[in-house]
Each structure stands twice: as C-alpha cells, then as structure tokens.
Amino acid sequence: PVQGGRSVTADFLGHRAPFPIGAYVLAAALGCPVYTMACLHEGVVADADLLDAGVIFGTGFAPFRGGPVQHIRAVGADAIVERLKALQQHHGDR
C-alpha cells in the first residue's frame, strides 16, 4: 500500500508507471549499492571514491549520502543484506 497515497511516476518498460515513494526510495537505496559494488569488485572502476563520485554525478544518487559505498559503510552491509533477504522472501526471486 502507498502511505498517504504518495507516489512518483517513472518510466518502466517504456511506459509511465506510478511507484509508491517508499518503494522508489528503497529501490534506489538498496539496488544502487548492490550493482555499483559489483562494478568495484569486477574492476570496472578503480576505487570506492571514484565509484561514489561517478554515481553521484552520473546518476543523481543523493549526494548527502556520500555515494553508494559510503551509504553501505554508514548503514552496514549486513543490514542491507538482511533487508534484501526479507524482500526476497516477501516478493520471491527477481
């Protein structure tokens, strides 16, 4: 359910679709660190600072979070993994 009826409209599979604000923020906060860390581990980017800067300036990741790597450090990787596992259990494999 959308809390208070608040949502954003974003492109999804070539169509405009409403997304609950909570889900939209959660996807950005959880999904971005997962994919960007894969780029770091696979050598696509040289170091964590460059990765954070690239995501902030290239995608609009919230600068006050310091970038995805800093966000992982602040929140804790274990907390992010547990949240992802809970989402997987609730929604199934994606």
PDB file of N, CA and C in Angstrom:
ATOM      1  N   PRO A   1       0.823  -1.202   0.000  1.00  0.00           N
ATOM      2  CA  PRO A   1       0.000   0.000   0.000  1.00  0.00           C
ATOM      3  C   PRO A   1       0.860   1.255   0.000  1.00  0.00           C
ATOM      4  N   VAL A   2       0.375   2.264  -0.646  1.00  0.00           N
ATOM      5  CA  VAL A   2       1.074   3.546  -0.699  1.00  0.00           C
ATOM      6  C   VAL A   2       0.675   4.349   0.527  1.00  0.00           C
ATOM      7  N   GLN A   3       1.671   4.754   1.313  1.00  0.00           N
ATOM      8  CA  GLN A   3       1.384   5.536   2.505  1.00  0.00           C
ATOM      9  C   GLN A   3       0.883   6.914   2.109  1.00  0.00           C
ATOM     10  N   GLY A   4      -0.289   7.240   2.561  1.00  0.00           N
ATOM     11  CA  GLY A   4      -0.830   8.567   2.299  1.00  0.00           C
ATOM     12  C   GLY A   4      -1.078   8.839   0.825  1.00  0.00           C
ATOM     13  N   GLY A   5      -1.094   7.811  -0.010  1.00  0.00           N
ATOM     14  CA  GLY A   5      -1.347   7.982  -1.425  1.00  0.00           C
ATOM     15  C   GLY A   5      -0.220   8.647  -2.189  1.00  0.00           C
ATOM     16  N   ARG A   6       0.966   8.770  -1.577  1.00  0.00           N
ATOM     17  CA  ARG A   6       2.076   9.460  -2.240  1.00  0.00           C
ATOM     18  C   ARG A   6       2.805   8.502  -3.162  1.00  0.00           C
ATOM     19  N   SER A   7       3.058   8.955  -4.380  1.00  0.00           N
ATOM     20  CA  SER A   7       3.797   8.131  -5.329  1.00  0.00           C
ATOM     21  C   SER A   7       4.525   9.045  -6.304  1.00  0.00           C
ATOM     22  N   VAL A   8       5.444   8.451  -7.051  1.00  0.00           N
ATOM     23  CA  VAL A   8       6.134   9.150  -8.131  1.00  0.00           C
ATOM     24  C   VAL A   8       5.835   8.399  -9.414  1.00  0.00           C
ATOM     25  N   THR A   9       5.924   9.080 -10.516  1.00  0.00           N
ATOM     26  CA  THR A   9       5.731   8.444 -11.809  1.00  0.00           C
ATOM     27  C   THR A   9       7.082   8.354 -12.487  1.00  0.00           C
ATOM     28  N   ALA A  10       7.411   7.157 -12.970  1.00  0.00           N
ATOM     29  CA  ALA A  10       8.711   6.944 -13.603  1.00  0.00           C
ATOM     30  C   ALA A  10       8.547   6.031 -14.803  1.00  0.00           C
ATOM     31  N   ASP A  11       9.511   6.082 -15.721  1.00  0.00           N
ATOM     32  CA  ASP A  11       9.478   5.183 -16.868  1.00  0.00           C
ATOM     33  C   ASP A  11       9.717   3.755 -16.409  1.00  0.00           C
ATOM     34  N   PHE A  12       8.905   2.849 -16.900  1.00  0.00           N
ATOM     35  CA  PHE A  12       9.048   1.433 -16.580  1.00  0.00           C
ATOM     36  C   PHE A  12       8.645   0.641 -17.811  1.00  0.00           C
ATOM     37  N   LEU A  13       9.618  -0.044 -18.412  1.00  0.00           N
ATOM     38  CA  LEU A  13       9.387  -0.851 -19.609  1.00  0.00           C
ATOM     39  C   LEU A  13       8.708  -0.047 -20.712  1.00  0.00           C
ATOM     40  N   GLY A  14       9.160   1.188 -20.873  1.00  0.00           N
ATOM     41  CA  GLY A  14       8.656   2.022 -21.954  1.00  0.00           C
ATOM     42  C   GLY A  14       7.343   2.725 -21.669  1.00  0.00           C
ATOM     43  N   HIS A  15       6.826   2.619 -20.463  1.00  0.00           N
ATOM     44  CA  HIS A  15       5.568   3.260 -20.086  1.00  0.00           C
ATOM     45  C   HIS A  15       5.764   4.038 -18.796  1.00  0.00           C
ATOM     46  N   ARG A  16       4.949   5.059 -18.611  1.00  0.00           N
ATOM     47  CA  ARG A  16       4.961   5.795 -17.345  1.00  0.00           C
ATOM     48  C   ARG A  16       4.145   4.987 -16.339  1.00  0.00           C
ATOM     49  N   ALA A  17       4.703   4.770 -15.161  1.00  0.00           N
ATOM     50  CA  ALA A  17       4.024   3.975 -14.142  1.00  0.00           C
ATOM     51  C   ALA A  17       4.215   4.622 -12.776  1.00  0.00           C
ATOM     52  N   PRO A  18       3.177   4.548 -11.922  1.00  0.00           N
ATOM     53  CA  PRO A  18       3.317   5.092 -10.569  1.00  0.00           C
ATOM     54  C   PRO A  18       4.071   4.118  -9.671  1.00  0.00           C
ATOM     55  N   PHE A  19       4.931   4.653  -8.826  1.00  0.00           N
ATOM     56  CA  PHE A  19       5.649   3.860  -7.839  1.00  0.00           C
ATOM     57  C   PHE A  19       5.427   4.515  -6.480  1.00  0.00           C
ATOM     58  N   PRO A  20       5.072   3.731  -5.464  1.00  0.00           N
ATOM     59  CA  PRO A  20       4.983   4.313  -4.122  1.00  0.00           C
ATOM     60  C   PRO A  20       6.321   4.924  -3.748  1.00  0.00           C
ATOM     61  N   ILE A  21       6.293   6.080  -3.136  1.00  0.00           N
ATOM     62  CA  ILE A  21       7.533   6.771  -2.789  1.00  0.00           C
ATOM     63  C   ILE A  21       8.439   5.880  -1.948  1.00  0.00           C
ATOM     64  N   GLY A  22       7.897   5.186  -0.969  1.00  0.00           N
ATOM     65  CA  GLY A  22       8.717   4.311  -0.131  1.00  0.00           C
ATOM     66  C   GLY A  22       9.440   3.255  -0.942  1.00  0.00           C
ATOM     67  N   ALA A  23       8.734   2.627  -1.876  1.00  0.00           N
ATOM     68  CA  ALA A  23       9.345   1.591  -2.707  1.00  0.00           C
ATOM     69  C   ALA A  23      10.399   2.185  -3.631  1.00  0.00           C
ATOM     70  N   TYR A  24      10.137   3.374  -4.169  1.00  0.00           N
ATOM     71  CA  TYR A  24      11.069   4.025  -5.076  1.00  0.00           C
ATOM     72  C   TYR A  24      12.374   4.357  -4.341  1.00  0.00           C
ATOM     73  N   VAL A  25      12.237   4.908  -3.148  1.00  0.00           N
ATOM     74  CA  VAL A  25      13.415   5.251  -2.346  1.00  0.00           C
ATOM     75  C   VAL A  25      14.159   3.990  -1.926  1.00  0.00           C
ATOM     76  N   LEU A  26      13.413   2.949  -1.531  1.00  0.00           N
ATOM     77  CA  LEU A  26      14.040   1.695  -1.119  1.00  0.00           C
ATOM     78  C   LEU A  26      14.811   1.067  -2.276  1.00  0.00           C
ATOM     79  N   ALA A  27      14.235   1.070  -3.462  1.00  0.00           N
ATOM     80  CA  ALA A  27      14.932   0.501  -4.618  1.00  0.00           C
ATOM     81  C   ALA A  27      16.216   1.249  -4.905  1.00  0.00           C
ATOM     82  N   ALA A  28      16.176   2.570  -4.815  1.00  0.00           N
ATOM     83  CA  ALA A  28      17.382   3.362  -5.046  1.00  0.00           C
ATOM     84  C   ALA A  28      18.427   3.107  -3.964  1.00  0.00           C
ATOM     85  N   ALA A  29      17.972   3.028  -2.737  1.00  0.00           N
ATOM     86  CA  ALA A  29      18.911   2.853  -1.631  1.00  0.00           C
ATOM     87  C   ALA A  29      19.515   1.459  -1.591  1.00  0.00           C
ATOM     88  N   LEU A  30      18.749   0.448  -1.981  1.00  0.00           N
ATOM     89  CA  LEU A  30      19.251  -0.924  -1.923  1.00  0.00           C
ATOM     90  C   LEU A  30      19.853  -1.388  -3.245  1.00  0.00           C
ATOM     91  N   GLY A  31      19.196  -1.060  -4.335  1.00  0.00           N
ATOM     92  CA  GLY A  31      19.663  -1.552  -5.628  1.00  0.00           C
ATOM     93  C   GLY A  31      20.951  -0.932  -6.092  1.00  0.00           C
ATOM     94  N   CYS A  32      21.087   0.361  -5.930  1.00  0.00           N
ATOM     95  CA  CYS A  32      22.287   1.046  -6.389  1.00  0.00           C
ATOM     96  C   CYS A  32      23.547   0.499  -5.738  1.00  0.00           C
ATOM     97  N   PRO A  33      23.584   0.353  -4.409  1.00  0.00           N
ATOM     98  CA  PRO A  33      24.811  -0.181  -3.807  1.00  0.00           C
ATOM     99  C   PRO A  33      25.158  -1.585  -4.289  1.00  0.00           C
ATOM    100  N   VAL A  34      24.169  -2.405  -4.531  1.00  0.00           N
ATOM    101  CA  VAL A  34      24.436  -3.779  -4.976  1.00  0.00           C
ATOM    102  C   VAL A  34      25.134  -3.776  -6.337  1.00  0.00           C
ATOM    103  N   TYR A  35      24.591  -3.033  -7.294  1.00  0.00           N
ATOM    104  CA  TYR A  35      25.173  -3.028  -8.635  1.00  0.00           C
ATOM    105  C   TYR A  35      26.496  -2.288  -8.698  1.00  0.00           C
ATOM    106  N   THR A  36      26.605  -1.201  -7.958  1.00  0.00           N
ATOM    107  CA  THR A  36      27.859  -0.462  -8.012  1.00  0.00           C
ATOM    108  C   THR A  36      28.993  -1.227  -7.346  1.00  0.00           C
ATOM    109  N   MET A  37      28.693  -1.974  -6.300  1.00  0.00           N
ATOM    110  CA  MET A  37      29.735  -2.789  -5.661  1.00  0.00           C
ATOM    111  C   MET A  37      30.210  -3.887  -6.608  1.00  0.00           C
ATOM    112  N   ALA A  38      29.312  -4.417  -7.418  1.00  0.00           N
ATOM    113  CA  ALA A  38      29.721  -5.406  -8.419  1.00  0.00           C
ATOM    114  C   ALA A  38      30.714  -4.772  -9.389  1.00  0.00           C
ATOM    115  N   CYS A  39      30.470  -3.527  -9.787  1.00  0.00           N
ATOM    116  CA  CYS A  39      31.412  -2.824 -10.676  1.00  0.00           C
ATOM    117  C   CYS A  39      32.768  -2.658 -10.004  1.00  0.00           C
ATOM    118  N   LEU A  40      32.773  -2.356  -8.725  1.00  0.00           N
ATOM    119  CA  LEU A  40      34.034  -2.197  -7.995  1.00  0.00           C
ATOM    120  C   LEU A  40      34.786  -3.524  -7.937  1.00  0.00           C
ATOM    121  N   HIS A  41      34.094  -4.586  -7.587  1.00  0.00           N
ATOM    122  CA  HIS A  41      34.736  -5.893  -7.447  1.00  0.00           C
ATOM    123  C   HIS A  41      35.218  -6.471  -8.783  1.00  0.00           C
ATOM    124  N   GLU A  42      34.546  -6.093  -9.872  1.00  0.00           N
ATOM    125  CA  GLU A  42      34.938  -6.599 -11.190  1.00  0.00           C
ATOM    126  C   GLU A  42      35.958  -5.693 -11.881  1.00  0.00           C
ATOM    127  N   GLY A  43      36.406  -4.634 -11.211  1.00  0.00           N
ATOM    128  CA  GLY A  43      37.433  -3.764 -11.764  1.00  0.00           C
ATOM    129  C   GLY A  43      36.940  -2.776 -12.807  1.00  0.00           C
ATOM    130  N   VAL A  44      35.629  -2.570 -12.893  1.00  0.00           N
ATOM    131  CA  VAL A  44      35.093  -1.596 -13.840  1.00  0.00           C
ATOM    132  C   VAL A  44      35.492  -0.184 -13.433  1.00  0.00           C
ATOM    133  N   VAL A  45      35.621   0.036 -12.124  1.00  0.00           N
ATOM    134  CA  VAL A  45      36.055   1.323 -11.588  1.00  0.00           C
ATOM    135  C   VAL A  45      37.233   1.052 -10.650  1.00  0.00           C
ATOM    136  N   ALA A  46      38.166   1.996 -10.589  1.00  0.00           N
ATOM    137  CA  ALA A  46      39.433   1.766  -9.886  1.00  0.00           C
ATOM    138  C   ALA A  46      39.321   1.725  -8.364  1.00  0.00           C
ATOM    139  N   ASP A  47      38.487   2.593  -7.781  1.00  0.00           N
ATOM    140  CA  ASP A  47      38.397   2.588  -6.315  1.00  0.00           C
ATOM    141  C   ASP A  47      37.040   3.113  -5.856  1.00  0.00           C
ATOM    142  N   ALA A  48      36.776   2.965  -4.560  1.00  0.00           N
ATOM    143  CA  ALA A  48      35.479   3.311  -3.992  1.00  0.00           C
ATOM    144  C   ALA A  48      35.167   4.805  -4.114  1.00  0.00           C
ATOM    145  N   ASP A  49      36.167   5.667  -3.968  1.00  0.00           N
ATOM    146  CA  ASP A  49      35.920   7.106  -4.069  1.00  0.00           C
ATOM    147  C   ASP A  49      35.482   7.497  -5.475  1.00  0.00           C
ATOM    148  N   LEU A  50      36.125   6.927  -6.484  1.00  0.00           N
ATOM    149  CA  LEU A  50      35.724   7.215  -7.867  1.00  0.00           C
ATOM    150  C   LEU A  50      34.332   6.664  -8.151  1.00  0.00           C
ATOM    151  N   LEU A  51      34.033   5.513  -7.601  1.00  0.00           N
ATOM    152  CA  LEU A  51      32.713   4.923  -7.777  1.00  0.00           C
ATOM    153  C   LEU A  51      31.651   5.840  -7.178  1.00  0.00           C
ATOM    154  N   ASP A  52      31.856   6.281  -5.938  1.00  0.00           N
ATOM    155  CA  ASP A  52      30.894   7.182  -5.300  1.00  0.00           C
ATOM    156  C   ASP A  52      30.707   8.458  -6.118  1.00  0.00           C
ATOM    157  N   ALA A  53      31.805   9.069  -6.537  1.00  0.00           N
ATOM    158  CA  ALA A  53      31.720  10.308  -7.320  1.00  0.00           C
ATOM    159  C   ALA A  53      30.990  10.077  -8.638  1.00  0.00           C
ATOM    160  N   GLY A  54      31.303   8.995  -9.317  1.00  0.00           N
ATOM    161  CA  GLY A  54      30.657   8.703 -10.597  1.00  0.00           C
ATOM    162  C   GLY A  54      29.162   8.504 -10.465  1.00  0.00           C
ATOM    163  N   VAL A  55      28.750   7.810  -9.416  1.00  0.00           N
ATOM    164  CA  VAL A  55      27.313   7.568  -9.224  1.00  0.00           C
ATOM    165  C   VAL A  55      26.602   8.853  -8.805  1.00  0.00           C
ATOM    166  N   ILE A  56      27.232   9.645  -7.955  1.00  0.00           N
ATOM    167  CA  ILE A  56      26.610  10.911  -7.542  1.00  0.00           C
ATOM    168  C   ILE A  56      26.436  11.839  -8.742  1.00  0.00           C
ATOM    169  N   PHE A  57      27.516  12.054  -9.507  1.00  0.00           N
ATOM    170  CA  PHE A  57      27.449  12.994 -10.626  1.00  0.00           C
ATOM    171  C   PHE A  57      26.782  12.409 -11.865  1.00  0.00           C
ATOM    172  N   GLY A  58      26.869  11.099 -12.030  1.00  0.00           N
ATOM    173  CA  GLY A  58      26.323  10.477 -13.230  1.00  0.00           C
ATOM    174  C   GLY A  58      24.865  10.076 -13.157  1.00  0.00           C
ATOM    175  N   THR A  59      24.379   9.754 -11.967  1.00  0.00           N
ATOM    176  CA  THR A  59      23.004   9.254 -11.862  1.00  0.00           C
ATOM    177  C   THR A  59      22.124  10.083 -10.953  1.00  0.00           C
ATOM    178  N   GLY A  60      22.717  10.982 -10.189  1.00  0.00           N
ATOM    179  CA  GLY A  60      21.923  11.771  -9.263  1.00  0.00           C
ATOM    180  C   GLY A  60      21.705  11.098  -7.926  1.00  0.00           C
ATOM    181  N   PHE A  61      22.519  10.088  -7.610  1.00  0.00           N
ATOM    182  CA  PHE A  61      22.438   9.469  -6.285  1.00  0.00           C
ATOM    183  C   PHE A  61      22.546  10.571  -5.244  1.00  0.00           C
ATOM    184  N   ALA A  62      21.773  10.479  -4.199  1.00  0.00           N
ATOM    185  CA  ALA A  62      21.707  11.539  -3.189  1.00  0.00           C
ATOM    186  C   ALA A  62      23.094  11.887  -2.645  1.00  0.00           C
ATOM    187  N   PRO A  63      23.609  13.077  -2.959  1.00  0.00           N
ATOM    188  CA  PRO A  63      24.953  13.450  -2.521  1.00  0.00           C
ATOM    189  C   PRO A  63      25.118  13.458  -1.000  1.00  0.00           C
ATOM    190  N   PHE A  64      24.039  13.760  -0.263  1.00  0.00           N
ATOM    191  CA  PHE A  64      24.158  13.803   1.194  1.00  0.00           C
ATOM    192  C   PHE A  64      24.426  12.419   1.780  1.00  0.00           C
ATOM    193  N   ARG A  65      24.200  11.365   0.993  1.00  0.00           N
ATOM    194  CA  ARG A  65      24.527  10.010   1.449  1.00  0.00           C
ATOM    195  C   ARG A  65      26.001   9.688   1.203  1.00  0.00           C
ATOM    196  N   GLY A  66      26.670  10.493   0.384  1.00  0.00           N
ATOM    197  CA  GLY A  66      28.092  10.285   0.137  1.00  0.00           C
ATOM    198  C   GLY A  66      28.400   9.275  -0.943  1.00  0.00           C
ATOM    199  N   GLY A  67      27.400   8.766  -1.630  1.00  0.00           N
ATOM    200  CA  GLY A  67      27.591   7.748  -2.657  1.00  0.00           C
ATOM    201  C   GLY A  67      27.231   6.370  -2.124  1.00  0.00           C
ATOM    202  N   PRO A  68      27.106   5.401  -3.003  1.00  0.00           N
ATOM    203  CA  PRO A  68      26.670   4.071  -2.582  1.00  0.00           C
ATOM    204  C   PRO A  68      27.633   3.367  -1.630  1.00  0.00           C
ATOM    205  N   VAL A  69      28.938   3.522  -1.837  1.00  0.00           N
ATOM    206  CA  VAL A  69      29.890   2.852  -0.949  1.00  0.00           C
ATOM    207  C   VAL A  69      29.804   3.462   0.448  1.00  0.00           C
ATOM    208  N   GLN A  70      29.755   4.797   0.521  1.00  0.00           N
ATOM    209  CA  GLN A  70      29.610   5.456   1.812  1.00  0.00           C
ATOM    210  C   GLN A  70      28.291   5.076   2.473  1.00  0.00           C
ATOM    211  N   HIS A  71      27.231   4.933   1.684  1.00  0.00           N
ATOM    212  CA  HIS A  71      25.930   4.527   2.218  1.00  0.00           C
ATOM    213  C   HIS A  71      26.022   3.123   2.829  1.00  0.00           C
ATOM    214  N   ILE A  72      26.705   2.216   2.143  1.00  0.00           N
ATOM    215  CA  ILE A  72      26.893   0.863   2.671  1.00  0.00           C
ATOM    216  C   ILE A  72      27.668   0.919   3.980  1.00  0.00           C
ATOM    217  N   ARG A  73      28.709   1.724   4.008  1.00  0.00           N
ATOM    218  CA  ARG A  73      29.510   1.850   5.237  1.00  0.00           C
ATOM    219  C   ARG A  73      28.670   2.415   6.383  1.00  0.00           C
ATOM    220  N   ALA A  74      27.822   3.404   6.090  1.00  0.00           N
ATOM    221  CA  ALA A  74      27.014   4.050   7.126  1.00  0.00           C
ATOM    222  C   ALA A  74      25.910   3.132   7.651  1.00  0.00           C
ATOM    223  N   VAL A  75      25.232   2.457   6.729  1.00  0.00           N
ATOM    224  CA  VAL A  75      24.112   1.596   7.110  1.00  0.00           C
ATOM    225  C   VAL A  75      24.599   0.241   7.593  1.00  0.00           C
ATOM    226  N   GLY A  76      25.648  -0.236   6.967  1.00  0.00           N
ATOM    227  CA  GLY A  76      26.177  -1.557   7.281  1.00  0.00           C
ATOM    228  C   GLY A  76      25.752  -2.574   6.238  1.00  0.00           C
ATOM    229  N   ALA A  77      26.717  -3.274   5.696  1.00  0.00           N
ATOM    230  CA  ALA A  77      26.439  -4.266   4.650  1.00  0.00           C
ATOM    231  C   ALA A  77      25.484  -5.338   5.153  1.00  0.00           C
ATOM    232  N   ASP A  78      25.655  -5.755   6.407  1.00  0.00           N
ATOM    233  CA  ASP A  78      24.779  -6.789   6.953  1.00  0.00           C
ATOM    234  C   ASP A  78      23.324  -6.336   6.975  1.00  0.00           C
ATOM    235  N   ALA A  79      23.087  -5.076   7.316  1.00  0.00           N
ATOM    236  CA  ALA A  79      21.719  -4.551   7.354  1.00  0.00           C
ATOM    237  C   ALA A  79      21.108  -4.537   5.952  1.00  0.00           C
ATOM    238  N   ILE A  80      21.906  -4.171   4.955  1.00  0.00           N
ATOM    239  CA  ILE A  80      21.408  -4.150   3.580  1.00  0.00           C
ATOM    240  C   ILE A  80      21.110  -5.568   3.113  1.00  0.00           C
ATOM    241  N   VAL A  81      22.004  -6.506   3.394  1.00  0.00           N
ATOM    242  CA  VAL A  81      21.784  -7.904   3.005  1.00  0.00           C
ATOM    243  C   VAL A  81      20.526  -8.452   3.670  1.00  0.00           C
ATOM    244  N   GLU A  82      20.335  -8.162   4.945  1.00  0.00           N
ATOM    245  CA  GLU A  82      19.140  -8.650   5.645  1.00  0.00           C
ATOM    246  C   GLU A  82      17.872  -8.069   5.045  1.00  0.00           C
ATOM    247  N   ARG A  83      17.910  -6.789   4.681  1.00  0.00           N
ATOM    248  CA  ARG A  83      16.728  -6.160   4.052  1.00  0.00           C
ATOM    249  C   ARG A  83      16.454  -6.790   2.693  1.00  0.00           C
ATOM    250  N   LEU A  84      17.496  -7.048   1.926  1.00  0.00           N
ATOM    251  CA  LEU A  84      17.318  -7.695   0.624  1.00  0.00           C
ATOM    252  C   LEU A  84      16.753  -9.104   0.781  1.00  0.00           C
ATOM    253  N   LYS A  85      17.228  -9.846   1.786  1.00  0.00           N
ATOM    254  CA  LYS A  85      16.700 -11.191   2.036  1.00  0.00           C
ATOM    255  C   LYS A  85      15.228 -11.142   2.427  1.00  0.00           C
ATOM    256  N   ALA A  86      14.855 -10.166   3.242  1.00  0.00           N
ATOM    257  CA  ALA A  86      13.453 -10.016   3.631  1.00  0.00           C
ATOM    258  C   ALA A  86      12.588  -9.701   2.414  1.00  0.00           C
ATOM    259  N   LEU A  87      13.082  -8.831   1.538  1.00  0.00           N
ATOM    260  CA  LEU A  87      12.343  -8.516   0.308  1.00  0.00           C
ATOM    261  C   LEU A  87      12.230  -9.740  -0.588  1.00  0.00           C
ATOM    262  N   GLN A  88      13.292 -10.531  -0.679  1.00  0.00           N
ATOM    263  CA  GLN A  88      13.258 -11.746  -1.491  1.00  0.00           C
ATOM    264  C   GLN A  88      12.232 -12.725  -0.934  1.00  0.00           C
ATOM    265  N   GLN A  89      12.215 -12.870   0.375  1.00  0.00           N
ATOM    266  CA  GLN A  89      11.262 -13.791   0.989  1.00  0.00           C
ATOM    267  C   GLN A  89       9.829 -13.323   0.748  1.00  0.00           C
ATOM    268  N   HIS A  90       9.615 -12.030   0.824  1.00  0.00           N
ATOM    269  CA  HIS A  90       8.271 -11.480   0.633  1.00  0.00           C
ATOM    270  C   HIS A  90       7.834 -11.503  -0.816  1.00  0.00           C
ATOM    271  N   HIS A  91       8.741 -11.160  -1.746  1.00  0.00           N
ATOM    272  CA  HIS A  91       8.378 -10.994  -3.161  1.00  0.00           C
ATOM    273  C   HIS A  91       8.872 -12.125  -4.057  1.00  0.00           C
ATOM    274  N   GLY A  92       9.722 -13.013  -3.535  1.00  0.00           N
ATOM    275  CA  GLY A  92      10.268 -14.089  -4.342  1.00  0.00           C
ATOM    276  C   GLY A  92      11.498 -13.652  -5.115  1.00  0.00           C
ATOM    277  N   ASP A  93      12.102 -14.584  -5.823  1.00  0.00           N
ATOM    278  CA  ASP A  93      13.297 -14.291  -6.615  1.00  0.00           C
ATOM    279  C   ASP A  93      12.953 -13.346  -7.758  1.00  0.00           C
ATOM    280  N   ARG A  94      13.868 -12.450  -8.031  1.00  0.00           N
ATOM    281  CA  ARG A  94      13.677 -11.484  -9.141  1.00  0.00           C
ATOM    282  C   ARG A  94      14.874 -11.548 -10.039  1.00  0.00           C
TER     283      ARG A  94
END
